[in-house]
Amino acid sequence: MEQQRRKGQRLTGDERKQMIGVLVEEYRSGKSIRDLAVQHSLSIGLSRNLLVESGIPLRGRGGSTRGRGPANG
């Protein structure tokens, strides 16, 4: 689903199911909801709602800290 979407364009039927599959796969690989929204020209709210609709457990706010350097301090 690399095709660029127009802002405000509705997702229905098979296109919606396909987008959910793509978002779930990328979210599981570690991308944030914000990253997914930007990459697929979706709002953050719609990206989150599609993930919730899929039934995938969402990570806590702030994202993954795995692989980040030591905290400032």
C-alpha atoms as a PDB file:
ATOM      1  CA  MET A   1       0.000   0.000   0.000  1.00  0.00           C
ATOM      2  CA  GLU A   2       2.624   2.469  -1.153  1.00  0.00           C
ATOM      3  CA  GLN A   3       0.130   4.595  -3.068  1.00  0.00           C
ATOM      4  CA  GLN A   4      -0.038   8.132  -1.686  1.00  0.00           C
ATOM      5  CA  ARG A   5      -3.401   8.962  -0.124  1.00  0.00           C
ATOM      6  CA  ARG A   6      -5.217  12.261  -0.235  1.00  0.00           C
ATOM      7  CA  LYS A   7      -5.891  13.842   3.125  1.00  0.00           C
ATOM      8  CA  GLY A   8      -9.438  13.121   4.262  1.00  0.00           C
ATOM      9  CA  GLN A   9      -9.899  10.208   1.857  1.00  0.00           C
ATOM     10  CA  ARG A  10     -12.046   7.473   3.427  1.00  0.00           C
ATOM     11  CA  LEU A  11     -10.816   3.927   3.967  1.00  0.00           C
ATOM     12  CA  THR A  12     -13.488   1.329   3.317  1.00  0.00           C
ATOM     13  CA  GLY A  13     -13.818  -2.383   2.629  1.00  0.00           C
ATOM     14  CA  ASP A  14     -10.791  -4.228   1.349  1.00  0.00           C
ATOM     15  CA  GLU A  15      -8.625  -1.101   1.352  1.00  0.00           C
ATOM     16  CA  ARG A  16      -9.323  -0.649   5.079  1.00  0.00           C
ATOM     17  CA  LYS A  17      -8.497  -4.300   5.833  1.00  0.00           C
ATOM     18  CA  GLN A  18      -5.294  -4.057   3.824  1.00  0.00           C
ATOM     19  CA  MET A  19      -4.260  -0.854   5.617  1.00  0.00           C
ATOM     20  CA  ILE A  20      -4.917  -2.473   9.010  1.00  0.00           C
ATOM     21  CA  GLY A  21      -2.656  -5.386   8.023  1.00  0.00           C
ATOM     22  CA  VAL A  22       0.127  -3.037   6.951  1.00  0.00           C
ATOM     23  CA  LEU A  23      -0.163  -0.902  10.095  1.00  0.00           C
ATOM     24  CA  VAL A  24      -0.146  -3.946  12.403  1.00  0.00           C
ATOM     25  CA  GLU A  25       2.952  -5.393  10.720  1.00  0.00           C
ATOM     26  CA  GLU A  26       4.855  -2.104  10.905  1.00  0.00           C
ATOM     27  CA  TYR A  27       3.680  -1.345  14.459  1.00  0.00           C
ATOM     28  CA  ARG A  28       4.889  -4.776  15.596  1.00  0.00           C
ATOM     29  CA  SER A  29       8.262  -4.050  13.993  1.00  0.00           C
ATOM     30  CA  GLY A  30       8.616  -1.037  16.308  1.00  0.00           C
ATOM     31  CA  LYS A  31       7.276   1.973  14.407  1.00  0.00           C
ATOM     32  CA  SER A  32       5.279   4.493  16.400  1.00  0.00           C
ATOM     33  CA  ILE A  33       1.688   5.415  15.641  1.00  0.00           C
ATOM     34  CA  ARG A  34       2.928   8.882  14.706  1.00  0.00           C
ATOM     35  CA  ASP A  35       5.441   7.416  12.232  1.00  0.00           C
ATOM     36  CA  LEU A  36       2.744   5.221  10.701  1.00  0.00           C
ATOM     37  CA  ALA A  37       0.383   8.168  10.350  1.00  0.00           C
ATOM     38  CA  VAL A  38       2.969  10.275   8.536  1.00  0.00           C
ATOM     39  CA  GLN A  39       4.147   7.426   6.295  1.00  0.00           C
ATOM     40  CA  HIS A  40       0.619   6.467   5.188  1.00  0.00           C
ATOM     41  CA  SER A  41      -0.924   9.979   5.110  1.00  0.00           C
ATOM     42  CA  LEU A  42      -3.358   9.189   7.926  1.00  0.00           C
ATOM     43  CA  SER A  43      -4.259  11.142  11.023  1.00  0.00           C
ATOM     44  CA  ILE A  44      -2.761   9.899  14.264  1.00  0.00           C
ATOM     45  CA  GLY A  45      -6.285   9.231  15.556  1.00  0.00           C
ATOM     46  CA  LEU A  46      -7.248   7.103  12.558  1.00  0.00           C
ATOM     47  CA  SER A  47      -3.965   5.209  12.721  1.00  0.00           C
ATOM     48  CA  ARG A  48      -4.592   4.431  16.382  1.00  0.00           C
ATOM     49  CA  ASN A  49      -8.238   3.500  15.766  1.00  0.00           C
ATOM     50  CA  LEU A  50      -7.250   1.067  13.019  1.00  0.00           C
ATOM     51  CA  LEU A  51      -4.731  -0.595  15.337  1.00  0.00           C
ATOM     52  CA  VAL A  52      -7.345  -0.816  18.112  1.00  0.00           C
ATOM     53  CA  GLU A  53      -9.799  -2.275  15.585  1.00  0.00           C
ATOM     54  CA  SER A  54      -7.219  -4.946  14.740  1.00  0.00           C
ATOM     55  CA  GLY A  55      -7.075  -6.055  18.372  1.00  0.00           C
ATOM     56  CA  ILE A  56      -3.310  -5.633  18.676  1.00  0.00           C
ATOM     57  CA  PRO A  57      -2.184  -4.522  22.164  1.00  0.00           C
ATOM     58  CA  LEU A  58      -0.850  -0.967  22.026  1.00  0.00           C
ATOM     59  CA  ARG A  59       2.393   0.085  23.673  1.00  0.00           C
ATOM     60  CA  GLY A  60       2.331   2.705  26.403  1.00  0.00           C
ATOM     61  CA  ARG A  61       2.790   6.349  25.560  1.00  0.00           C
ATOM     62  CA  GLY A  62       6.350   7.430  24.897  1.00  0.00           C
ATOM     63  CA  GLY A  63       7.173   4.490  22.671  1.00  0.00           C
ATOM     64  CA  SER A  64       9.884   1.944  22.908  1.00  0.00           C
ATOM     65  CA  THR A  65      13.048   2.868  24.769  1.00  0.00           C
ATOM     66  CA  ARG A  66      14.914  -0.194  23.528  1.00  0.00           C
ATOM     67  CA  GLY A  67      18.122   0.765  21.796  1.00  0.00           C
ATOM     68  CA  ARG A  68      18.239   4.335  23.066  1.00  0.00           C
ATOM     69  CA  GLY A  69      21.311   5.653  24.796  1.00  0.00           C
ATOM     70  CA  PRO A  70      21.590   6.389  28.509  1.00  0.00           C
ATOM     71  CA  ALA A  71      19.198   8.961  29.959  1.00  0.00           C
ATOM     72  CA  ASN A  72      20.410  12.536  30.305  1.00  0.00           C
ATOM     73  CA  GLY A  73      21.439  13.392  33.759  1.00  0.00           C
END
